[in-house]
Amino acid sequence: MIDTEAIAELAYDLARHDFSHPSGRRDVGFREKPIWQKVRALGTRLWLDTGDIDEAAALWCCEFDALTTNNTLLNKEIQKGSYDDLIREAAEAIRRTAREIDEQELVLEIAFVLNARHALKLVERFDAHVSVELHTDLGHDVERSVAYGRRYFDICPERFYVKVPLTPAGLLAARQLGQEGVPVNFTLGFSARQNYAIALLAQPRFVNVFMGRLNAFVADNKLGDGRNIGEKATLATQRMLVELRDARRTRSLLIGASVREGAQVAALTGLDVLTMPPKAAAQYEEAPSAGLSSQVQTDPAVPLAEGVSLEDFNAGTLWDVPQVFKDSVEGLLQEDMDTMTPDDIRSHFARRGLADFLPDWSPEDVRTATADGKIPVFATWKERLSKGAIGLDALLNLSAFEAFAIDQRALDDRIRSLI
């Protein structure tokens, strides 16, 4: 039998090797930038969405709080080869500790070490909070998601946020981690209703709207020019969360995620958090807005192509939180959720006529979403979207998870090639 505690201790030591903890040290050589001070003054925290230390250093300033990594960004760093020696070292050490460990478990442990080690480098360089993401193999496993979430947090409780994906299992795992005091960044959200449920049922530190992918869905499928659909969903979500926080029903903060261009900063000022890739942050620095104001109460129009309506792709699921949905969430809060399974969560919504919220995706659906890539092909899903059988938020969530899984497999394959 494998000694899981011994492996966890070894992985902890491998991840933290030579780590010099700088928490609370803000004099790391970065200056203040007035253009970002203006954004911060309107209540918006600023994060960079990158795992590349050099890219981050070129933009980092005192006004930034955190960096967020994910399976895709970590894979880019691992493929550079700078961690190849660590991969070999970790494999040898883990095999000495657990000779009977199978290959996939070994790969999972090494991927954990790599993610933690790289995140600690970011902490050390920037004295920043860093989001570390669970391996996609854990996305449908409550028990193991909780176990690895605890382990990430234990490595750097002062600076790590644990990213948990939006799945029925992820919802239950995030709830348990939050109850244990682990700060969760609940990722892969796309709508106000998804985040309404998450904020009340799981109470994570952060929720997300991946607005860039929403805009890309409209533009790539020629349904419109791609402007404002992500912004509309994000701002609606922010207003909803403010109401819940004012009512003291949640503590969750919103991250406006996957910003694509600098101009979106001014359009989204007032959000709790903006996380930007370096390219978008650099664009805003080059052309900052002259007159910033909070945009939280703005409800932007979504330009569509001639003959296209929002109902054609069930876009209302991005910003509407109907009473029947709220009642369903309230019903769950009356249950003993800590004894429920992921299927129980999915069935609860389906019995209330909300099967489009957490669809029971078939293997063929998953294969199709994987083949589509990051952005679903509208023609493939059009009939089910227009009939309301699936929500656009649910479809984008499926596509995003499977896209991250592809990058996770690429990272795993590099590990396998070296062990």
Protein backbone atom coordinates (compact mmCIF):
# COMPACT_ATOMS: atom_id res chain seq x y z
CA MET A 1 0.00 0.00 0.00
CA ILE A 2 1.32 3.44 -0.96
CA ASP A 3 2.20 5.74 1.95
CA THR A 4 0.33 8.84 0.77
CA GLU A 5 1.47 10.91 3.75
CA ALA A 6 5.12 10.20 2.98
CA ILE A 7 4.62 11.18 -0.66
CA ALA A 8 2.85 14.38 0.37
CA GLU A 9 5.71 15.29 2.72
CA LEU A 10 8.25 14.59 -0.01
CA ALA A 11 6.34 16.69 -2.55
CA TYR A 12 6.18 19.52 -0.01
CA ASP A 13 9.95 19.42 0.45
CA LEU A 14 10.60 19.25 -3.30
CA ALA A 15 8.31 22.21 -3.99
CA ARG A 16 9.73 24.43 -1.26
CA HIS A 17 13.40 23.61 -1.87
CA ASP A 18 15.44 26.84 -1.52
CA PHE A 19 12.27 28.94 -1.24
CA SER A 20 12.95 32.21 0.56
CA HIS A 21 9.65 33.49 1.87
CA PRO A 22 9.19 37.27 1.43
CA SER A 23 5.59 37.72 2.64
CA GLY A 24 4.77 41.26 3.62
CA ARG A 25 7.80 42.70 1.88
CA ARG A 26 6.64 45.35 -0.57
CA ASP A 27 10.05 46.91 -1.18
CA VAL A 28 11.02 44.48 -3.94
CA GLY A 29 12.09 47.18 -6.35
CA PHE A 30 8.78 47.92 -8.03
CA ARG A 31 7.48 51.44 -8.39
CA GLU A 32 4.06 53.01 -8.19
CA LYS A 33 2.15 53.80 -11.39
CA PRO A 34 -0.46 56.57 -11.26
CA ILE A 35 -2.52 55.13 -14.12
CA TRP A 36 -3.13 51.96 -12.11
CA GLN A 37 -3.65 53.94 -8.90
CA LYS A 38 -6.68 55.52 -10.58
CA VAL A 39 -8.15 52.10 -11.30
CA ARG A 40 -7.46 50.92 -7.76
CA ALA A 41 -9.10 54.06 -6.36
CA LEU A 42 -12.39 52.91 -7.91
CA GLY A 43 -12.29 49.64 -5.99
CA THR A 44 -10.70 47.29 -8.51
CA ARG A 45 -7.87 44.99 -7.51
CA LEU A 46 -5.33 44.29 -10.24
CA TRP A 47 -3.86 40.89 -11.12
CA LEU A 48 -1.66 39.70 -13.94
CA ASP A 49 -2.67 36.57 -15.80
CA THR A 50 0.69 34.96 -16.55
CA GLY A 51 3.19 32.47 -15.27
CA ASP A 52 6.08 34.06 -17.16
CA ILE A 53 8.31 35.81 -14.64
CA ASP A 54 10.05 38.06 -17.18
CA GLU A 55 6.74 39.17 -18.73
CA ALA A 56 5.30 39.93 -15.32
CA ALA A 57 8.41 41.83 -14.17
CA ALA A 58 8.16 44.16 -17.16
CA LEU A 59 4.76 45.38 -15.96
CA TRP A 60 4.61 44.70 -12.24
CA CYS A 61 4.10 47.67 -9.97
CA CYS A 62 2.97 48.35 -6.42
CA GLU A 63 -0.66 48.50 -7.50
CA PHE A 64 -0.77 44.82 -8.52
CA ASP A 65 -1.76 42.21 -5.93
CA ALA A 66 -1.60 38.78 -7.51
CA LEU A 67 -0.77 36.55 -10.42
CA THR A 68 -2.98 33.76 -11.66
CA THR A 69 -1.70 30.65 -13.38
CA ASN A 70 -3.61 27.81 -14.99
CA ASN A 71 -2.95 24.55 -16.79
CA THR A 72 -2.24 26.34 -20.07
CA LEU A 73 0.11 28.95 -18.62
CA LEU A 74 2.00 26.39 -16.54
CA ASN A 75 2.37 24.13 -19.56
CA LYS A 76 4.04 26.99 -21.45
CA GLU A 77 6.61 27.32 -18.68
CA ILE A 78 7.27 23.58 -18.40
CA GLN A 79 7.72 23.20 -22.16
CA LYS A 80 10.63 25.67 -22.02
CA GLY A 81 12.67 22.89 -20.40
CA SER A 82 13.85 24.82 -17.35
CA TYR A 83 12.19 22.31 -15.01
CA ASP A 84 13.47 19.14 -16.69
CA ASP A 85 16.03 18.48 -13.96
CA LEU A 86 13.38 18.91 -11.27
CA ILE A 87 11.13 16.44 -13.08
CA ARG A 88 13.86 13.81 -13.05
CA GLU A 89 14.78 14.55 -9.44
CA ALA A 90 11.16 14.34 -8.28
CA ALA A 91 10.55 11.09 -10.16
CA GLU A 92 13.59 9.44 -8.61
CA ALA A 93 12.74 10.63 -5.09
CA ILE A 94 9.08 9.61 -5.29
CA ARG A 95 9.94 6.18 -6.65
CA ARG A 96 12.34 5.65 -3.76
CA THR A 97 9.51 6.47 -1.37
CA ALA A 98 6.79 4.50 -3.19
CA ARG A 99 8.23 1.86 -5.51
CA GLU A 100 4.77 0.51 -6.34
CA ILE A 101 3.34 3.86 -7.49
CA ASP A 102 1.80 3.62 -10.99
CA GLU A 103 2.84 5.96 -13.76
CA GLN A 104 -0.24 8.20 -13.78
CA GLU A 105 -0.07 8.75 -10.03
CA LEU A 106 3.63 9.54 -10.37
CA VAL A 107 2.88 12.06 -13.12
CA LEU A 108 0.15 13.64 -10.99
CA GLU A 109 2.57 14.09 -8.07
CA ILE A 110 5.30 15.56 -10.26
CA ALA A 111 2.81 17.95 -11.87
CA PHE A 112 1.79 19.03 -8.36
CA VAL A 113 5.44 19.72 -7.47
CA LEU A 114 5.98 21.70 -10.68
CA ASN A 115 2.90 23.84 -10.18
CA ALA A 116 3.79 24.58 -6.57
CA ARG A 117 7.49 25.24 -7.29
CA HIS A 118 6.70 27.66 -10.11
CA ALA A 119 4.04 29.45 -8.06
CA LEU A 120 6.55 29.87 -5.22
CA LYS A 121 8.99 31.46 -7.68
CA LEU A 122 6.29 34.01 -8.46
CA VAL A 123 5.68 34.62 -4.76
CA GLU A 124 9.40 35.05 -4.17
CA ARG A 125 9.89 37.45 -7.08
CA PHE A 126 6.82 39.64 -6.58
CA ASP A 127 5.64 39.07 -3.00
CA ALA A 128 2.29 38.38 -4.64
CA HIS A 129 -0.62 36.11 -4.03
CA VAL A 130 -0.66 33.38 -6.67
CA SER A 131 -3.51 31.15 -7.83
CA VAL A 132 -2.51 27.50 -8.29
CA GLU A 133 -4.82 25.22 -10.24
CA LEU A 134 -5.77 21.63 -9.59
CA HIS A 135 -4.82 18.98 -12.16
CA THR A 136 -7.72 18.46 -14.58
CA ASP A 137 -7.79 14.73 -13.74
CA LEU A 138 -9.25 15.79 -10.38
CA GLY A 139 -12.09 17.86 -11.83
CA HIS A 140 -14.76 15.22 -11.19
CA ASP A 141 -13.40 13.80 -7.94
CA VAL A 142 -14.47 15.56 -4.74
CA GLU A 143 -12.24 13.69 -2.29
CA ARG A 144 -9.02 14.06 -4.26
CA SER A 145 -9.74 17.69 -5.15
CA VAL A 146 -10.05 18.46 -1.44
CA ALA A 147 -6.88 16.50 -0.63
CA TYR A 148 -4.75 18.26 -3.24
CA GLY A 149 -6.33 21.62 -2.46
CA ARG A 150 -5.26 21.25 1.17
CA ARG A 151 -1.77 20.29 0.07
CA TYR A 152 -1.39 23.34 -2.17
CA PHE A 153 -2.53 25.63 0.59
CA ASP A 154 -0.20 24.03 3.14
CA ILE A 155 2.79 24.78 0.91
CA CYS A 156 2.23 28.55 1.14
CA PRO A 157 -0.81 29.53 3.22
CA GLU A 158 0.33 33.18 3.22
CA ARG A 159 0.17 33.56 -0.55
CA PHE A 160 -1.59 30.67 -2.34
CA TYR A 161 -5.16 30.70 -3.63
CA VAL A 162 -6.38 27.29 -4.80
CA LYS A 163 -8.16 27.23 -8.16
CA VAL A 164 -11.04 24.74 -8.36
CA PRO A 165 -12.97 24.28 -11.64
CA LEU A 166 -16.70 24.68 -12.03
CA THR A 167 -18.01 21.12 -12.11
CA PRO A 168 -20.53 19.48 -9.75
CA ALA A 169 -17.59 17.84 -7.97
CA GLY A 170 -15.70 21.13 -7.93
CA LEU A 171 -18.66 22.83 -6.27
CA LEU A 172 -18.63 20.32 -3.41
CA ALA A 173 -14.84 20.40 -3.13
CA ALA A 174 -14.72 24.19 -3.03
CA ARG A 175 -17.41 24.21 -0.34
CA GLN A 176 -15.41 21.83 1.85
CA LEU A 177 -12.11 23.63 1.28
CA GLY A 178 -13.71 26.95 2.16
CA GLN A 179 -15.12 25.51 5.37
CA GLU A 180 -11.56 24.50 6.26
CA GLY A 181 -10.24 28.01 5.68
CA VAL A 182 -8.60 27.39 2.30
CA PRO A 183 -9.02 30.46 0.03
CA VAL A 184 -10.56 29.18 -3.20
CA ASN A 185 -10.47 30.86 -6.59
CA PHE A 186 -13.47 29.11 -8.22
CA THR A 187 -12.65 29.15 -11.89
CA LEU A 188 -14.26 28.52 -15.30
CA GLY A 189 -17.39 30.53 -14.60
CA PHE A 190 -19.18 32.37 -17.39
CA SER A 191 -22.43 33.74 -16.01
CA ALA A 192 -24.29 35.51 -13.24
CA ARG A 193 -26.38 32.42 -12.47
CA GLN A 194 -23.36 30.14 -12.20
CA ASN A 195 -21.75 32.56 -9.79
CA TYR A 196 -24.98 33.11 -7.86
CA ALA A 197 -25.07 29.38 -7.12
CA ILE A 198 -21.35 29.18 -6.38
CA ALA A 199 -21.30 32.21 -4.11
CA LEU A 200 -24.13 30.87 -1.95
CA LEU A 201 -23.41 27.14 -2.04
CA ALA A 202 -19.60 27.10 -1.87
CA GLN A 203 -18.72 30.56 -0.50
CA PRO A 204 -15.30 30.72 -2.24
CA ARG A 205 -13.01 33.71 -1.87
CA PHE A 206 -13.29 34.46 -5.61
CA VAL A 207 -15.55 33.59 -8.54
CA ASN A 208 -14.89 34.29 -12.22
CA VAL A 209 -16.44 35.32 -15.50
CA PHE A 210 -14.23 34.37 -18.45
CA MET A 211 -15.43 37.29 -20.53
CA GLY A 212 -12.86 37.04 -23.31
CA ARG A 213 -14.07 33.63 -24.38
CA LEU A 214 -17.65 34.88 -24.48
CA ASN A 215 -16.70 37.69 -26.84
CA ALA A 216 -14.65 35.25 -28.91
CA PHE A 217 -17.63 32.87 -29.20
CA VAL A 218 -19.73 35.58 -30.82
CA ALA A 219 -16.95 36.89 -33.06
CA ASP A 220 -15.50 33.54 -34.14
CA ASN A 221 -18.92 32.18 -35.05
CA LYS A 222 -19.82 35.40 -36.92
CA LEU A 223 -22.83 36.05 -34.69
CA GLY A 224 -21.68 39.63 -34.18
CA ASP A 225 -18.49 41.62 -33.79
CA GLY A 226 -17.78 40.14 -30.38
CA ARG A 227 -18.14 43.34 -28.39
CA ASN A 228 -19.80 43.59 -25.01
CA ILE A 229 -21.31 40.15 -24.45
CA GLY A 230 -18.58 39.27 -21.98
CA GLU A 231 -18.74 42.72 -20.42
CA LYS A 232 -22.53 42.50 -20.05
CA ALA A 233 -22.28 39.12 -18.31
CA THR A 234 -19.46 40.31 -16.06
CA LEU A 235 -21.13 43.53 -14.96
CA ALA A 236 -24.42 41.72 -14.30
CA THR A 237 -22.51 39.25 -12.15
CA GLN A 238 -20.82 42.07 -10.22
CA ARG A 239 -24.17 43.71 -9.45
CA MET A 240 -25.59 40.39 -8.29
CA LEU A 241 -22.64 39.73 -5.97
CA VAL A 242 -22.84 43.22 -4.48
CA GLU A 243 -26.48 42.54 -3.60
CA LEU A 244 -25.58 39.23 -1.95
CA ARG A 245 -22.70 40.78 -0.03
CA ASP A 246 -24.85 43.70 1.11
CA ALA A 247 -27.34 41.13 2.41
CA ARG A 248 -24.43 39.37 4.18
CA ARG A 249 -25.13 36.16 2.30
CA THR A 250 -21.70 35.71 0.72
CA ARG A 251 -18.17 37.03 0.88
CA SER A 252 -17.22 36.07 -2.70
CA LEU A 253 -15.47 38.61 -4.91
CA LEU A 254 -15.65 38.66 -8.70
CA ILE A 255 -12.66 38.28 -11.00
CA GLY A 256 -13.16 39.63 -14.50
CA ALA A 257 -11.04 37.07 -16.32
CA SER A 258 -9.49 36.58 -19.74
CA VAL A 259 -9.45 40.26 -20.67
CA ARG A 260 -8.34 40.49 -24.28
CA GLU A 261 -7.40 44.15 -24.78
CA GLY A 262 -6.46 47.24 -22.84
CA ALA A 263 -9.66 49.12 -23.66
CA GLN A 264 -11.61 46.66 -21.53
CA VAL A 265 -9.98 48.04 -18.38
CA ALA A 266 -11.93 51.30 -18.57
CA ALA A 267 -15.10 49.43 -19.56
CA LEU A 268 -14.88 47.24 -16.45
CA THR A 269 -13.55 49.60 -13.80
CA GLY A 270 -15.31 49.00 -10.51
CA LEU A 271 -15.15 45.22 -10.68
CA ASP A 272 -13.76 43.56 -7.58
CA VAL A 273 -10.77 42.18 -9.50
CA LEU A 274 -9.41 42.42 -13.04
CA THR A 275 -6.87 39.83 -14.14
CA MET A 276 -5.08 40.72 -17.35
CA PRO A 277 -2.57 39.02 -19.58
CA PRO A 278 0.57 41.13 -20.01
CA LYS A 279 -0.42 42.16 -23.53
CA ALA A 280 -3.69 43.74 -22.37
CA ALA A 281 -2.04 45.45 -19.39
CA ALA A 282 0.64 46.89 -21.66
CA GLN A 283 -2.01 48.17 -24.07
CA TYR A 284 -3.75 50.02 -21.28
CA GLU A 285 -0.50 51.59 -20.10
CA GLU A 286 0.10 52.83 -23.64
CA ALA A 287 -3.41 54.33 -23.95
CA PRO A 288 -4.99 54.81 -20.51
CA SER A 289 -8.47 56.24 -20.19
CA ALA A 290 -8.57 59.97 -19.47
CA GLY A 291 -11.75 59.87 -17.39
CA LEU A 292 -12.33 56.72 -15.36
CA SER A 293 -15.52 56.00 -13.45
CA SER A 294 -17.14 52.88 -12.08
CA GLN A 295 -18.96 50.96 -14.78
CA VAL A 296 -20.73 48.50 -12.48
CA GLN A 297 -24.20 49.92 -13.17
CA THR A 298 -23.62 49.90 -16.94
CA ASP A 299 -25.54 47.37 -19.01
CA PRO A 300 -23.92 47.49 -22.45
CA ALA A 301 -25.74 46.60 -25.64
CA VAL A 302 -24.49 43.54 -27.56
CA PRO A 303 -24.13 44.18 -31.32
CA LEU A 304 -25.21 41.15 -33.35
CA ALA A 305 -25.06 40.26 -37.02
CA GLU A 306 -28.14 40.81 -39.15
CA GLY A 307 -30.75 38.14 -38.53
CA VAL A 308 -29.13 36.91 -35.31
CA SER A 309 -30.84 37.18 -31.92
CA LEU A 310 -29.57 36.51 -28.41
CA GLU A 311 -32.16 33.74 -28.12
CA ASP A 312 -30.49 31.88 -30.99
CA PHE A 313 -27.61 30.93 -28.68
CA ASN A 314 -29.35 31.13 -25.29
CA ALA A 315 -27.33 34.18 -24.28
CA GLY A 316 -29.75 35.09 -21.51
CA THR A 317 -28.21 32.36 -19.38
CA LEU A 318 -25.16 34.63 -19.07
CA TRP A 319 -26.84 37.46 -17.16
CA ASP A 320 -30.34 36.37 -16.09
CA VAL A 321 -30.87 34.84 -12.65
CA PRO A 322 -34.59 33.99 -12.70
CA GLN A 323 -36.57 33.36 -9.53
CA VAL A 324 -36.95 29.66 -10.28
CA PHE A 325 -33.17 29.40 -10.29
CA LYS A 326 -32.85 31.30 -7.02
CA ASP A 327 -35.48 29.05 -5.46
CA SER A 328 -33.55 25.99 -6.59
CA VAL A 329 -30.39 27.28 -4.93
CA GLU A 330 -32.34 28.01 -1.74
CA GLY A 331 -33.64 24.46 -1.83
CA LEU A 332 -30.11 23.11 -1.93
CA LEU A 333 -29.12 25.26 1.01
CA GLN A 334 -31.78 23.46 3.04
CA GLU A 335 -30.19 20.08 2.24
CA ASP A 336 -27.23 18.46 3.94
CA MET A 337 -24.88 19.28 1.07
CA ASP A 338 -21.89 17.79 2.83
CA THR A 339 -23.36 14.32 2.29
CA MET A 340 -24.28 14.90 -1.36
CA THR A 341 -22.56 13.58 -4.48
CA PRO A 342 -21.90 15.43 -7.75
CA ASP A 343 -24.81 13.52 -9.33
CA ASP A 344 -27.06 14.72 -6.50
CA ILE A 345 -26.18 18.33 -7.34
CA ARG A 346 -26.84 17.85 -11.03
CA SER A 347 -30.12 16.01 -10.39
CA HIS A 348 -31.34 18.69 -8.00
CA PHE A 349 -31.28 21.32 -10.74
CA ALA A 350 -32.61 18.96 -13.41
CA ARG A 351 -35.68 18.06 -11.32
CA ARG A 352 -36.52 21.75 -11.17
CA GLY A 353 -36.44 22.20 -14.93
CA LEU A 354 -32.87 23.55 -14.95
CA ALA A 355 -31.04 20.71 -16.68
CA ASP A 356 -29.42 23.30 -18.94
CA PHE A 357 -27.41 24.59 -15.95
CA LEU A 358 -25.35 21.46 -15.27
CA PRO A 359 -26.02 19.24 -18.28
CA ASP A 360 -25.24 15.55 -18.09
CA TRP A 361 -22.72 15.69 -20.91
CA SER A 362 -22.37 12.49 -22.94
CA PRO A 363 -18.98 11.10 -23.98
CA GLU A 364 -19.80 12.28 -27.50
CA ASP A 365 -20.45 15.81 -26.21
CA VAL A 366 -17.07 15.82 -24.51
CA ARG A 367 -15.32 14.57 -27.67
CA THR A 368 -17.07 17.25 -29.73
CA ALA A 369 -16.15 20.03 -27.31
CA THR A 370 -12.55 18.82 -27.26
CA ALA A 371 -12.41 18.82 -31.07
CA ASP A 372 -13.92 22.33 -31.18
CA GLY A 373 -11.09 23.72 -29.06
CA LYS A 374 -11.38 26.72 -26.75
CA ILE A 375 -14.37 28.17 -28.58
CA PRO A 376 -17.40 25.97 -29.39
CA VAL A 377 -18.53 25.75 -33.02
CA PHE A 378 -21.99 27.30 -32.94
CA ALA A 379 -23.40 25.24 -35.81
CA THR A 380 -22.76 22.04 -33.87
CA TRP A 381 -24.64 23.18 -30.76
CA LYS A 382 -27.17 25.57 -32.32
CA GLU A 383 -30.30 23.44 -31.98
CA ARG A 384 -29.71 22.56 -28.32
CA LEU A 385 -28.84 26.16 -27.46
CA SER A 386 -31.86 27.67 -29.22
CA LYS A 387 -34.21 25.17 -27.55
CA GLY A 388 -32.74 25.90 -24.13
CA ALA A 389 -31.56 22.32 -23.66
CA ILE A 390 -28.12 23.62 -22.70
CA GLY A 391 -27.01 27.01 -21.43
CA LEU A 392 -24.35 28.98 -23.24
CA ASP A 393 -22.62 29.33 -19.89
CA ALA A 394 -22.59 25.55 -19.45
CA LEU A 395 -21.27 24.98 -22.98
CA LEU A 396 -18.43 27.48 -22.59
CA ASN A 397 -17.58 25.87 -19.25
CA LEU A 398 -17.32 22.43 -20.88
CA SER A 399 -15.15 23.76 -23.70
CA ALA A 400 -12.85 25.63 -21.33
CA PHE A 401 -12.37 22.62 -19.06
CA GLU A 402 -11.55 20.33 -21.97
CA ALA A 403 -9.16 22.91 -23.47
CA PHE A 404 -7.29 23.08 -20.17
CA ALA A 405 -7.26 19.28 -20.07
CA ILE A 406 -5.50 19.23 -23.45
CA ASP A 407 -2.75 21.50 -22.12
CA GLN A 408 -2.55 19.45 -18.93
CA ARG A 409 -1.99 16.32 -21.02
CA ALA A 410 0.78 18.09 -22.93
CA LEU A 411 2.46 18.93 -19.64
CA ASP A 412 2.00 15.34 -18.45
CA ASP A 413 3.48 14.03 -21.68
CA ARG A 414 6.62 16.08 -21.13
CA ILE A 415 6.92 14.60 -17.66
CA ARG A 416 6.53 11.08 -19.07
CA SER A 417 9.22 11.75 -21.67
CA LEU A 418 11.72 12.49 -18.88
CA ILE A 419 10.96 9.78 -16.34
